[in-house]
Amino acid sequence: DKKGGNFSKPISINAGSATTRTLRVTELNDIFINLGLPADAAAQVDV
C-alpha cells in the first residue's frame, strides 16, 4: 500500500505456503503504478 495508507486498499500477492517471494523490476514497478503513484516521481510503499 502507499506509505501511510494503512493497507485500506492494498495490492495483494498470494504466496501460498512459501516463505519467500522475489519481485522482478517489472512486478514492483506495476505495484507502484497500480497504487496510483506517478511515474518519474520518487515514492515509498509499505509492505
PDB file of all heavy atoms in Angstrom:
ATOM      1  N   ASP A   1       0.854  -1.187   0.000  1.00  0.00           N
ATOM      2  CA  ASP A   1       0.000   0.000   0.000  1.00  0.00           C
ATOM      3  C   ASP A   1       0.890   1.238   0.000  1.00  0.00           C
ATOM      4  O   ASP A   1       2.074   1.165   0.360  1.00  0.00           O
ATOM      5  CB  ASP A   1      -0.928   0.012   1.218  1.00  0.00           C
ATOM      6  CG  ASP A   1      -2.137   0.931   1.018  1.00  0.00           C
ATOM      7  OD1 ASP A   1      -2.245   1.535  -0.067  1.00  0.00           O
ATOM      8  OD2 ASP A   1      -2.953   1.033   1.943  1.00  0.00           O
ATOM      9  N   LYS A   2       0.308   2.363  -0.393  1.00  0.00           N
ATOM     10  CA  LYS A   2       1.049   3.610  -0.334  1.00  0.00           C
ATOM     11  C   LYS A   2       1.556   3.836   1.082  1.00  0.00           C
ATOM     12  O   LYS A   2       0.910   3.407   2.054  1.00  0.00           O
ATOM     13  CB  LYS A   2       0.156   4.783  -0.736  1.00  0.00           C
ATOM     14  CG  LYS A   2      -0.339   4.758  -2.163  1.00  0.00           C
ATOM     15  CD  LYS A   2      -1.274   5.940  -2.407  1.00  0.00           C
ATOM     16  CE  LYS A   2      -1.853   5.913  -3.798  1.00  0.00           C
ATOM     17  NZ  LYS A   2      -2.805   7.031  -4.027  1.00  0.00           N
ATOM     18  N   LYS A   3       2.676   4.510   1.224  1.00  0.00           N
ATOM     19  CA  LYS A   3       3.220   4.824   2.540  1.00  0.00           C
ATOM     20  C   LYS A   3       2.158   5.520   3.373  1.00  0.00           C
ATOM     21  O   LYS A   3       1.584   6.525   2.973  1.00  0.00           O
ATOM     22  CB  LYS A   3       4.448   5.734   2.378  1.00  0.00           C
ATOM     23  CG  LYS A   3       5.084   6.168   3.679  1.00  0.00           C
ATOM     24  CD  LYS A   3       5.749   5.018   4.386  1.00  0.00           C
ATOM     25  CE  LYS A   3       6.472   5.476   5.641  1.00  0.00           C
ATOM     26  NZ  LYS A   3       7.030   4.333   6.386  1.00  0.00           N
ATOM     27  N   GLY A   4       1.846   4.949   4.551  1.00  0.00           N
ATOM     28  CA  GLY A   4       0.848   5.526   5.433  1.00  0.00           C
ATOM     29  C   GLY A   4      -0.583   5.209   5.044  1.00  0.00           C
ATOM     30  O   GLY A   4      -1.529   5.710   5.667  1.00  0.00           O
ATOM     31  N   GLY A   5      -0.788   4.351   4.041  1.00  0.00           N
ATOM     32  CA  GLY A   5      -2.144   4.020   3.590  1.00  0.00           C
ATOM     33  C   GLY A   5      -2.876   3.056   4.490  1.00  0.00           C
ATOM     34  O   GLY A   5      -4.076   2.813   4.316  1.00  0.00           O
ATOM     35  N   ASN A   6      -2.169   2.460   5.453  1.00  0.00           N
ATOM     36  CA  ASN A   6      -2.768   1.563   6.440  1.00  0.00           C
ATOM     37  C   ASN A   6      -3.430   0.345   5.805  1.00  0.00           C
ATOM     38  O   ASN A   6      -4.325  -0.248   6.380  1.00  0.00           O
ATOM     39  CB  ASN A   6      -3.783   2.314   7.311  1.00  0.00           C
ATOM     40  CG  ASN A   6      -4.028   1.612   8.637  1.00  0.00           C
ATOM     41  OD1 ASN A   6      -3.141   0.945   9.164  1.00  0.00           O
ATOM     42  ND2 ASN A   6      -5.235   1.724   9.151  1.00  0.00           N
ATOM     43  N   PHE A   7      -3.001   0.005   4.575  1.00  0.00           N
ATOM     44  CA  PHE A   7      -3.493  -1.178   3.879  1.00  0.00           C
ATOM     45  C   PHE A   7      -5.020  -1.178   3.724  1.00  0.00           C
ATOM     46  O   PHE A   7      -5.670  -2.205   3.765  1.00  0.00           O
ATOM     47  CB  PHE A   7      -3.018  -2.456   4.580  1.00  0.00           C
ATOM     48  CG  PHE A   7      -1.524  -2.570   4.629  1.00  0.00           C
ATOM     49  CD1 PHE A   7      -0.815  -2.137   5.752  1.00  0.00           C
ATOM     50  CD2 PHE A   7      -0.809  -3.050   3.545  1.00  0.00           C
ATOM     51  CE1 PHE A   7       0.572  -2.199   5.786  1.00  0.00           C
ATOM     52  CE2 PHE A   7       0.583  -3.115   3.575  1.00  0.00           C
ATOM     53  CZ  PHE A   7       1.275  -2.691   4.693  1.00  0.00           C
ATOM     54  N   SER A   8      -5.556   0.023   3.528  1.00  0.00           N
ATOM     55  CA  SER A   8      -7.001   0.139   3.323  1.00  0.00           C
ATOM     56  C   SER A   8      -7.404  -0.300   1.922  1.00  0.00           C
ATOM     57  O   SER A   8      -8.499  -0.822   1.708  1.00  0.00           O
ATOM     58  CB  SER A   8      -7.454   1.585   3.558  1.00  0.00           C
ATOM     59  OG  SER A   8      -6.742   2.476   2.714  1.00  0.00           O
ATOM     60  N   LYS A   9      -6.501  -0.088   0.936  1.00  0.00           N
ATOM     61  CA  LYS A   9      -6.743  -0.536  -0.443  1.00  0.00           C
ATOM     62  C   LYS A   9      -5.453  -1.173  -0.975  1.00  0.00           C
ATOM     63  O   LYS A   9      -4.806  -0.648  -1.882  1.00  0.00           O
ATOM     64  CB  LYS A   9      -7.176   0.628  -1.327  1.00  0.00           C
ATOM     65  CG  LYS A   9      -8.518   1.233  -0.944  1.00  0.00           C
ATOM     66  CD  LYS A   9      -8.882   2.384  -1.885  1.00  0.00           C
ATOM     67  CE  LYS A   9     -10.229   2.987  -1.513  1.00  0.00           C
ATOM     68  NZ  LYS A   9     -10.578   4.129  -2.407  1.00  0.00           N
ATOM     69  N   PRO A  10      -5.079  -2.318  -0.423  1.00  0.00           N
ATOM     70  CA  PRO A  10      -3.775  -2.887  -0.773  1.00  0.00           C
ATOM     71  C   PRO A  10      -3.786  -3.657  -2.089  1.00  0.00           C
ATOM     72  O   PRO A  10      -4.844  -4.056  -2.594  1.00  0.00           O
ATOM     73  CB  PRO A  10      -3.508  -3.840   0.396  1.00  0.00           C
ATOM     74  CG  PRO A  10      -4.875  -4.320   0.758  1.00  0.00           C
ATOM     75  CD  PRO A  10      -5.780  -3.118   0.583  1.00  0.00           C
ATOM     76  N   ILE A  11      -2.611  -3.847  -2.634  1.00  0.00           N
ATOM     77  CA  ILE A  11      -2.396  -4.819  -3.707  1.00  0.00           C
ATOM     78  C   ILE A  11      -1.825  -6.062  -3.049  1.00  0.00           C
ATOM     79  O   ILE A  11      -0.868  -5.973  -2.274  1.00  0.00           O
ATOM     80  CB  ILE A  11      -1.436  -4.260  -4.770  1.00  0.00           C
ATOM     81  CG1 ILE A  11      -2.126  -3.137  -5.553  1.00  0.00           C
ATOM     82  CG2 ILE A  11      -0.968  -5.358  -5.714  1.00  0.00           C
ATOM     83  CD1 ILE A  11      -1.230  -2.456  -6.552  1.00  0.00           C
ATOM     84  N   SER A  12      -2.426  -7.218  -3.329  1.00  0.00           N
ATOM     85  CA  SER A  12      -2.042  -8.451  -2.647  1.00  0.00           C
ATOM     86  C   SER A  12      -1.447  -9.456  -3.622  1.00  0.00           C
ATOM     87  O   SER A  12      -1.898  -9.576  -4.766  1.00  0.00           O
ATOM     88  CB  SER A  12      -3.260  -9.079  -1.955  1.00  0.00           C
ATOM     89  OG  SER A  12      -3.792  -8.200  -0.978  1.00  0.00           O
ATOM     90  N   ILE A  13      -0.434 -10.176  -3.152  1.00  0.00           N
ATOM     91  CA  ILE A  13       0.181 -11.261  -3.917  1.00  0.00           C
ATOM     92  C   ILE A  13       0.133 -12.517  -3.064  1.00  0.00           C
ATOM     93  O   ILE A  13       0.702 -12.561  -1.967  1.00  0.00           O
ATOM     94  CB  ILE A  13       1.647 -10.943  -4.284  1.00  0.00           C
ATOM     95  CG1 ILE A  13       1.706  -9.739  -5.223  1.00  0.00           C
ATOM     96  CG2 ILE A  13       2.305 -12.150  -4.949  1.00  0.00           C
ATOM     97  CD1 ILE A  13       3.121  -9.330  -5.586  1.00  0.00           C
ATOM     98  N   ASN A  14      -0.567 -13.528  -3.541  1.00  0.00           N
ATOM     99  CA  ASN A  14      -0.697 -14.776  -2.808  1.00  0.00           C
ATOM    100  C   ASN A  14       0.593 -15.583  -2.955  1.00  0.00           C
ATOM    101  O   ASN A  14       0.998 -15.929  -4.064  1.00  0.00           O
ATOM    102  CB  ASN A  14      -1.895 -15.575  -3.348  1.00  0.00           C
ATOM    103  CG  ASN A  14      -2.166 -16.836  -2.537  1.00  0.00           C
ATOM    104  OD1 ASN A  14      -1.396 -17.188  -1.651  1.00  0.00           O
ATOM    105  ND2 ASN A  14      -3.256 -17.505  -2.845  1.00  0.00           N
ATOM    106  N   ALA A  15       1.226 -15.888  -1.835  1.00  0.00           N
ATOM    107  CA  ALA A  15       2.483 -16.653  -1.850  1.00  0.00           C
ATOM    108  C   ALA A  15       2.269 -18.113  -1.510  1.00  0.00           C
ATOM    109  O   ALA A  15       3.228 -18.889  -1.460  1.00  0.00           O
ATOM    110  CB  ALA A  15       3.484 -16.030  -0.882  1.00  0.00           C
ATOM    111  N   GLY A  16       1.026 -18.518  -1.237  1.00  0.00           N
ATOM    112  CA  GLY A  16       0.744 -19.900  -0.877  1.00  0.00           C
ATOM    113  C   GLY A  16       1.412 -20.269   0.435  1.00  0.00           C
ATOM    114  O   GLY A  16       1.400 -19.492   1.398  1.00  0.00           O
ATOM    115  N   SER A  17       2.055 -21.426   0.469  1.00  0.00           N
ATOM    116  CA  SER A  17       2.724 -21.879   1.699  1.00  0.00           C
ATOM    117  C   SER A  17       4.195 -21.475   1.732  1.00  0.00           C
ATOM    118  O   SER A  17       4.894 -21.756   2.700  1.00  0.00           O
ATOM    119  CB  SER A  17       2.614 -23.398   1.824  1.00  0.00           C
ATOM    120  OG  SER A  17       3.223 -24.025   0.705  1.00  0.00           O
ATOM    121  N   ALA A  18       4.663 -20.803   0.675  1.00  0.00           N
ATOM    122  CA  ALA A  18       6.073 -20.406   0.603  1.00  0.00           C
ATOM    123  C   ALA A  18       6.393 -19.358   1.659  1.00  0.00           C
ATOM    124  O   ALA A  18       5.512 -18.639   2.135  1.00  0.00           O
ATOM    125  CB  ALA A  18       6.394 -19.868  -0.787  1.00  0.00           C
ATOM    126  N   THR A  19       7.662 -19.265   2.014  1.00  0.00           N
ATOM    127  CA  THR A  19       8.096 -18.249   2.978  1.00  0.00           C
ATOM    128  C   THR A  19       9.107 -17.288   2.349  1.00  0.00           C
ATOM    129  O   THR A  19       9.905 -16.678   3.041  1.00  0.00           O
ATOM    130  CB  THR A  19       8.709 -18.911   4.226  1.00  0.00           C
ATOM    131  OG1 THR A  19       9.773 -19.778   3.821  1.00  0.00           O
ATOM    132  CG2 THR A  19       7.657 -19.697   4.992  1.00  0.00           C
ATOM    133  N   THR A  20       9.051 -17.170   1.018  1.00  0.00           N
ATOM    134  CA  THR A  20       9.891 -16.218   0.307  1.00  0.00           C
ATOM    135  C   THR A  20       9.231 -15.846  -1.011  1.00  0.00           C
ATOM    136  O   THR A  20       8.499 -16.658  -1.590  1.00  0.00           O
ATOM    137  CB  THR A  20      11.305 -16.792   0.060  1.00  0.00           C
ATOM    138  OG1 THR A  20      12.110 -15.803  -0.580  1.00  0.00           O
ATOM    139  CG2 THR A  20      11.241 -18.023  -0.824  1.00  0.00           C
ATOM    140  N   ARG A  21       9.470 -14.625  -1.470  1.00  0.00           N
ATOM    141  CA  ARG A  21       8.940 -14.179  -2.770  1.00  0.00           C
ATOM    142  C   ARG A  21       9.865 -13.102  -3.321  1.00  0.00           C
ATOM    143  O   ARG A  21      10.123 -12.098  -2.649  1.00  0.00           O
ATOM    144  CB  ARG A  21       7.527 -13.620  -2.618  1.00  0.00           C
ATOM    145  CG  ARG A  21       6.887 -13.119  -3.923  1.00  0.00           C
ATOM    146  CD  ARG A  21       6.603 -14.265  -4.895  1.00  0.00           C
ATOM    147  NE  ARG A  21       5.577 -13.931  -5.850  1.00  0.00           N
ATOM    148  CZ  ARG A  21       5.782 -13.234  -6.970  1.00  0.00           C
ATOM    149  NH1 ARG A  21       7.003 -12.784  -7.239  1.00  0.00           N
ATOM    150  NH2 ARG A  21       4.781 -12.997  -7.790  1.00  0.00           N
ATOM    151  N   THR A  22      10.385 -13.326  -4.528  1.00  0.00           N
ATOM    152  CA  THR A  22      11.245 -12.347  -5.194  1.00  0.00           C
ATOM    153  C   THR A  22      10.436 -11.614  -6.245  1.00  0.00           C
ATOM    154  O   THR A  22       9.747 -12.244  -7.061  1.00  0.00           O
ATOM    155  CB  THR A  22      12.456 -13.029  -5.850  1.00  0.00           C
ATOM    156  OG1 THR A  22      13.230 -13.678  -4.837  1.00  0.00           O
ATOM    157  CG2 THR A  22      13.324 -12.011  -6.569  1.00  0.00           C
ATOM    158  N   LEU A  23      10.502 -10.286  -6.230  1.00  0.00           N
ATOM    159  CA  LEU A  23       9.797  -9.463  -7.205  1.00  0.00           C
ATOM    160  C   LEU A  23      10.772  -8.966  -8.256  1.00  0.00           C
ATOM    161  O   LEU A  23      11.842  -8.442  -7.921  1.00  0.00           O
ATOM    162  CB  LEU A  23       9.135  -8.265  -6.529  1.00  0.00           C
ATOM    163  CG  LEU A  23       8.034  -8.556  -5.515  1.00  0.00           C
ATOM    164  CD1 LEU A  23       7.505  -7.247  -4.955  1.00  0.00           C
ATOM    165  CD2 LEU A  23       6.901  -9.349  -6.150  1.00  0.00           C
ATOM    166  N   ARG A  24      10.418  -9.135  -9.526  1.00  0.00           N
ATOM    167  CA  ARG A  24      11.214  -8.567 -10.603  1.00  0.00           C
ATOM    168  C   ARG A  24      10.922  -7.070 -10.716  1.00  0.00           C
ATOM    169  O   ARG A  24       9.932  -6.568 -10.171  1.00  0.00           O
ATOM    170  CB  ARG A  24      10.902  -9.273 -11.923  1.00  0.00           C
ATOM    171  CG  ARG A  24      11.368 -10.721 -11.963  1.00  0.00           C
ATOM    172  CD  ARG A  24      10.974 -11.407 -13.258  1.00  0.00           C
ATOM    173  NE  ARG A  24       9.538 -11.508 -13.394  1.00  0.00           N
ATOM    174  CZ  ARG A  24       8.851 -11.108 -14.466  1.00  0.00           C
ATOM    175  NH1 ARG A  24       9.494 -10.571 -15.503  1.00  0.00           N
ATOM    176  NH2 ARG A  24       7.554 -11.242 -14.519  1.00  0.00           N
ATOM    177  N   VAL A  25      11.770  -6.363 -11.421  1.00  0.00           N
ATOM    178  CA  VAL A  25      11.610  -4.911 -11.588  1.00  0.00           C
ATOM    179  C   VAL A  25      10.236  -4.590 -12.159  1.00  0.00           C
ATOM    180  O   VAL A  25       9.545  -3.693 -11.679  1.00  0.00           O
ATOM    181  CB  VAL A  25      12.726  -4.351 -12.495  1.00  0.00           C
ATOM    182  CG1 VAL A  25      12.401  -2.932 -12.954  1.00  0.00           C
ATOM    183  CG2 VAL A  25      14.062  -4.378 -11.764  1.00  0.00           C
ATOM    184  N   THR A  26       9.822  -5.330 -13.188  1.00  0.00           N
ATOM    185  CA  THR A  26       8.529  -5.044 -13.810  1.00  0.00           C
ATOM    186  C   THR A  26       7.367  -5.261 -12.844  1.00  0.00           C
ATOM    187  O   THR A  26       6.384  -4.516 -12.868  1.00  0.00           O
ATOM    188  CB  THR A  26       8.334  -5.892 -15.090  1.00  0.00           C
ATOM    189  OG1 THR A  26       7.121  -5.501 -15.724  1.00  0.00           O
ATOM    190  CG2 THR A  26       8.297  -7.381 -14.779  1.00  0.00           C
ATOM    191  N   GLU A  27       7.472  -6.261 -11.949  1.00  0.00           N
ATOM    192  CA  GLU A  27       6.402  -6.520 -10.986  1.00  0.00           C
ATOM    193  C   GLU A  27       6.315  -5.403  -9.949  1.00  0.00           C
ATOM    194  O   GLU A  27       5.214  -4.927  -9.625  1.00  0.00           O
ATOM    195  CB  GLU A  27       6.644  -7.855 -10.283  1.00  0.00           C
ATOM    196  CG  GLU A  27       6.511  -9.069 -11.179  1.00  0.00           C
ATOM    197  CD  GLU A  27       6.846 -10.361 -10.457  1.00  0.00           C
ATOM    198  OE1 GLU A  27       7.999 -10.499  -9.982  1.00  0.00           O
ATOM    199  OE2 GLU A  27       5.969 -11.228 -10.347  1.00  0.00           O
ATOM    200  N   LEU A  28       7.476  -4.990  -9.432  1.00  0.00           N
ATOM    201  CA  LEU A  28       7.471  -3.930  -8.428  1.00  0.00           C
ATOM    202  C   LEU A  28       7.010  -2.617  -9.052  1.00  0.00           C
ATOM    203  O   LEU A  28       6.256  -1.847  -8.436  1.00  0.00           O
ATOM    204  CB  LEU A  28       8.860  -3.772  -7.812  1.00  0.00           C
ATOM    205  CG  LEU A  28       8.966  -2.788  -6.648  1.00  0.00           C
ATOM    206  CD1 LEU A  28       8.048  -3.192  -5.500  1.00  0.00           C
ATOM    207  CD2 LEU A  28      10.403  -2.700  -6.153  1.00  0.00           C
ATOM    208  N   ASN A  29       7.435  -2.359 -10.280  1.00  0.00           N
ATOM    209  CA  ASN A  29       7.010  -1.136 -10.961  1.00  0.00           C
ATOM    210  C   ASN A  29       5.489  -1.119 -11.138  1.00  0.00           C
ATOM    211  O   ASN A  29       4.836  -0.091 -10.917  1.00  0.00           O
ATOM    212  CB  ASN A  29       7.686  -1.031 -12.332  1.00  0.00           C
ATOM    213  CG  ASN A  29       7.437   0.301 -13.000  1.00  0.00           C
ATOM    214  OD1 ASN A  29       7.980   1.324 -12.605  1.00  0.00           O
ATOM    215  ND2 ASN A  29       6.598   0.304 -14.024  1.00  0.00           N
ATOM    216  N   ASP A  30       4.915  -2.267 -11.527  1.00  0.00           N
ATOM    217  CA  ASP A  30       3.457  -2.355 -11.683  1.00  0.00           C
ATOM    218  C   ASP A  30       2.741  -2.066 -10.369  1.00  0.00           C
ATOM    219  O   ASP A  30       1.678  -1.443 -10.353  1.00  0.00           O
ATOM    220  CB  ASP A  30       3.058  -3.742 -12.193  1.00  0.00           C
ATOM    221  CG  ASP A  30       3.379  -3.943 -13.662  1.00  0.00           C
ATOM    222  OD1 ASP A  30       3.679  -2.944 -14.349  1.00  0.00           O
ATOM    223  OD2 ASP A  30       3.336  -5.108 -14.124  1.00  0.00           O
ATOM    224  N   ILE A  31       3.320  -2.521  -9.259  1.00  0.00           N
ATOM    225  CA  ILE A  31       2.703  -2.270  -7.948  1.00  0.00           C
ATOM    226  C   ILE A  31       2.655  -0.773  -7.673  1.00  0.00           C
ATOM    227  O   ILE A  31       1.621  -0.222  -7.275  1.00  0.00           O
ATOM    228  CB  ILE A  31       3.468  -3.022  -6.840  1.00  0.00           C
ATOM    229  CG1 ILE A  31       3.202  -4.527  -6.947  1.00  0.00           C
ATOM    230  CG2 ILE A  31       3.072  -2.512  -5.454  1.00  0.00           C
ATOM    231  CD1 ILE A  31       4.086  -5.379  -6.069  1.00  0.00           C
ATOM    232  N   PHE A  32       3.769  -0.077  -7.890  1.00  0.00           N
ATOM    233  CA  PHE A  32       3.813   1.371  -7.669  1.00  0.00           C
ATOM    234  C   PHE A  32       2.786   2.078  -8.553  1.00  0.00           C
ATOM    235  O   PHE A  32       2.021   2.933  -8.076  1.00  0.00           O
ATOM    236  CB  PHE A  32       5.214   1.914  -7.953  1.00  0.00           C
ATOM    237  CG  PHE A  32       6.151   1.857  -6.790  1.00  0.00           C
ATOM    238  CD1 PHE A  32       6.651   0.642  -6.330  1.00  0.00           C
ATOM    239  CD2 PHE A  32       6.553   3.011  -6.130  1.00  0.00           C
ATOM    240  CE1 PHE A  32       7.518   0.576  -5.242  1.00  0.00           C
ATOM    241  CE2 PHE A  32       7.430   2.969  -5.052  1.00  0.00           C
ATOM    242  CZ  PHE A  32       7.915   1.752  -4.607  1.00  0.00           C
ATOM    243  N   ILE A  33       2.763   1.742  -9.852  1.00  0.00           N
ATOM    244  CA  ILE A  33       1.856   2.398 -10.792  1.00  0.00           C
ATOM    245  C   ILE A  33       0.396   2.092 -10.449  1.00  0.00           C
ATOM    246  O   ILE A  33      -0.469   2.979 -10.454  1.00  0.00           O
ATOM    247  CB  ILE A  33       2.168   1.982 -12.238  1.00  0.00           C
ATOM    248  CG1 ILE A  33       3.567   2.463 -12.653  1.00  0.00           C
ATOM    249  CG2 ILE A  33       1.114   2.514 -13.204  1.00  0.00           C
ATOM    250  CD1 ILE A  33       3.747   3.963 -12.661  1.00  0.00           C
ATOM    251  N   ASN A  34       0.086   0.824 -10.130  1.00  0.00           N
ATOM    252  CA  ASN A  34      -1.292   0.433  -9.832  1.00  0.00           C
ATOM    253  C   ASN A  34      -1.793   0.982  -8.507  1.00  0.00           C
ATOM    254  O   ASN A  34      -3.010   1.019  -8.263  1.00  0.00           O
ATOM    255  CB  ASN A  34      -1.437  -1.086  -9.856  1.00  0.00           C
ATOM    256  CG  ASN A  34      -1.315  -1.654 -11.258  1.00  0.00           C
ATOM    257  OD1 ASN A  34      -1.650  -0.985 -12.235  1.00  0.00           O
ATOM    258  ND2 ASN A  34      -0.834  -2.882 -11.371  1.00  0.00           N
ATOM    259  N   LEU A  35      -0.876   1.413  -7.650  1.00  0.00           N
ATOM    260  CA  LEU A  35      -1.282   2.095  -6.418  1.00  0.00           C
ATOM    261  C   LEU A  35      -1.567   3.578  -6.675  1.00  0.00           C
ATOM    262  O   LEU A  35      -1.900   4.316  -5.756  1.00  0.00           O
ATOM    263  CB  LEU A  35      -0.202   1.948  -5.344  1.00  0.00           C
ATOM    264  CG  LEU A  35      -0.115   0.573  -4.663  1.00  0.00           C
ATOM    265  CD1 LEU A  35       1.113   0.502  -3.761  1.00  0.00           C
ATOM    266  CD2 LEU A  35      -1.382   0.288  -3.856  1.00  0.00           C
ATOM    267  N   GLY A  36      -1.415   4.004  -7.931  1.00  0.00           N
ATOM    268  CA  GLY A  36      -1.691   5.391  -8.290  1.00  0.00           C
ATOM    269  C   GLY A  36      -0.527   6.330  -8.097  1.00  0.00           C
ATOM    270  O   GLY A  36      -0.697   7.551  -8.144  1.00  0.00           O
ATOM    271  N   LEU A  37       0.676   5.777  -7.912  1.00  0.00           N
ATOM    272  CA  LEU A  37       1.861   6.613  -7.740  1.00  0.00           C
ATOM    273  C   LEU A  37       2.381   7.032  -9.117  1.00  0.00           C
ATOM    274  O   LEU A  37       2.516   6.193 -10.012  1.00  0.00           O
ATOM    275  CB  LEU A  37       2.932   5.856  -6.962  1.00  0.00           C
ATOM    276  CG  LEU A  37       2.501   5.463  -5.537  1.00  0.00           C
ATOM    277  CD1 LEU A  37       3.491   4.479  -4.929  1.00  0.00           C
ATOM    278  CD2 LEU A  37       2.367   6.698  -4.665  1.00  0.00           C
ATOM    279  N   PRO A  38       2.682   8.305  -9.319  1.00  0.00           N
ATOM    280  CA  PRO A  38       3.056   8.791 -10.657  1.00  0.00           C
ATOM    281  C   PRO A  38       4.434   8.316 -11.095  1.00  0.00           C
ATOM    282  O   PRO A  38       5.343   8.146 -10.272  1.00  0.00           O
ATOM    283  CB  PRO A  38       3.010  10.311 -10.508  1.00  0.00           C
ATOM    284  CG  PRO A  38       3.261  10.550  -9.052  1.00  0.00           C
ATOM    285  CD  PRO A  38       2.615   9.401  -8.333  1.00  0.00           C
ATOM    286  N   ALA A  39       4.583   8.109 -12.409  1.00  0.00           N
ATOM    287  CA  ALA A  39       5.880   7.737 -12.971  1.00  0.00           C
ATOM    288  C   ALA A  39       6.856   8.891 -12.830  1.00  0.00           C
ATOM    289  O   ALA A  39       6.461  10.060 -12.777  1.00  0.00           O
ATOM    290  CB  ALA A  39       5.715   7.365 -14.442  1.00  0.00           C
ATOM    291  N   ASP A  40       8.130   8.546 -12.712  1.00  0.00           N
ATOM    292  CA  ASP A  40       9.233   9.511 -12.649  1.00  0.00           C
ATOM    293  C   ASP A  40       9.220  10.377 -11.388  1.00  0.00           C
ATOM    294  O   ASP A  40       9.842  11.434 -11.348  1.00  0.00           O
ATOM    295  CB  ASP A  40       9.244  10.415 -13.888  1.00  0.00           C
ATOM    296  CG  ASP A  40       9.347   9.611 -15.179  1.00  0.00           C
ATOM    297  OD1 ASP A  40      10.109   8.624 -15.181  1.00  0.00           O
ATOM    298  OD2 ASP A  40       8.680   9.956 -16.158  1.00  0.00           O
ATOM    299  N   ALA A  41       8.515   9.918 -10.351  1.00  0.00           N
ATOM    300  CA  ALA A  41       8.498  10.636  -9.073  1.00  0.00           C
ATOM    301  C   ALA A  41       8.828   9.649  -7.955  1.00  0.00           C
ATOM    302  O   ALA A  41       8.231   8.566  -7.872  1.00  0.00           O
ATOM    303  CB  ALA A  41       7.132  11.273  -8.826  1.00  0.00           C
ATOM    304  N   ALA A  42       9.793  10.003  -7.119  1.00  0.00           N
ATOM    305  CA  ALA A  42      10.186   9.126  -6.015  1.00  0.00           C
ATOM    306  C   ALA A  42       9.011   8.900  -5.073  1.00  0.00           C
ATOM    307  O   ALA A  42       8.243   9.827  -4.786  1.00  0.00           O
ATOM    308  CB  ALA A  42      11.361   9.736  -5.258  1.00  0.00           C
ATOM    309  N   ALA A  43       8.850   7.667  -4.625  1.00  0.00           N
ATOM    310  CA  ALA A  43       7.722   7.331  -3.750  1.00  0.00           C
ATOM    311  C   ALA A  43       8.112   6.183  -2.831  1.00  0.00           C
ATOM    312  O   ALA A  43       9.145   5.520  -3.028  1.00  0.00           O
ATOM    313  CB  ALA A  43       6.498   6.954  -4.577  1.00  0.00           C
ATOM    314  N   GLN A  44       7.281   5.943  -1.813  1.00  0.00           N
ATOM    315  CA  GLN A  44       7.506   4.851  -0.877  1.00  0.00           C
ATOM    316  C   GLN A  44       6.248   4.001  -0.780  1.00  0.00           C
ATOM    317  O   GLN A  44       5.123   4.511  -0.856  1.00  0.00           O
ATOM    318  CB  GLN A  44       7.870   5.385   0.510  1.00  0.00           C
ATOM    319  CG  GLN A  44       9.242   6.049   0.584  1.00  0.00           C
ATOM    320  CD  GLN A  44       9.562   6.495   1.998  1.00  0.00           C
ATOM    321  OE1 GLN A  44       8.778   7.203   2.629  1.00  0.00           O
ATOM    322  NE2 GLN A  44      10.716   6.095   2.497  1.00  0.00           N
ATOM    323  N   VAL A  45       6.461   2.698  -0.586  1.00  0.00           N
ATOM    324  CA  VAL A  45       5.356   1.749  -0.467  1.00  0.00           C
ATOM    325  C   VAL A  45       5.568   0.902   0.785  1.00  0.00           C
ATOM    326  O   VAL A  45       6.682   0.447   1.057  1.00  0.00           O
ATOM    327  CB  VAL A  45       5.275   0.843  -1.719  1.00  0.00           C
ATOM    328  CG1 VAL A  45       4.385  -0.362  -1.468  1.00  0.00           C
ATOM    329  CG2 VAL A  45       4.752   1.638  -2.907  1.00  0.00           C
ATOM    330  N   ASP A  46       4.507   0.742   1.569  1.00  0.00           N
ATOM    331  CA  ASP A  46       4.551  -0.119   2.752  1.00  0.00           C
ATOM    332  C   ASP A  46       4.259  -1.565   2.345  1.00  0.00           C
ATOM    333  O   ASP A  46       3.436  -1.823   1.448  1.00  0.00           O
ATOM    334  CB  ASP A  46       3.509   0.333   3.780  1.00  0.00           C
ATOM    335  CG  ASP A  46       3.922   1.614   4.499  1.00  0.00           C
ATOM    336  OD1 ASP A  46       5.126   1.918   4.526  1.00  0.00           O
ATOM    337  OD2 ASP A  46       3.030   2.315   5.017  1.00  0.00           O
ATOM    338  N   VAL A  47       4.932  -2.499   3.028  1.00  0.00           N
ATOM    339  CA  VAL A  47       4.794  -3.922   2.711  1.00  0.00           C
ATOM    340  C   VAL A  47       4.612  -4.698   4.014  1.00  0.00           C
ATOM    341  O   VAL A  47       5.267  -4.402   5.019  1.00  0.00           O
ATOM    342  CB  VAL A  47       6.042  -4.467   1.983  1.00  0.00           C
ATOM    343  CG1 VAL A  47       5.788  -5.873   1.465  1.00  0.00           C
ATOM    344  CG2 VAL A  47       6.464  -3.535   0.852  1.00  0.00           C
TER     345      VAL A  47
END
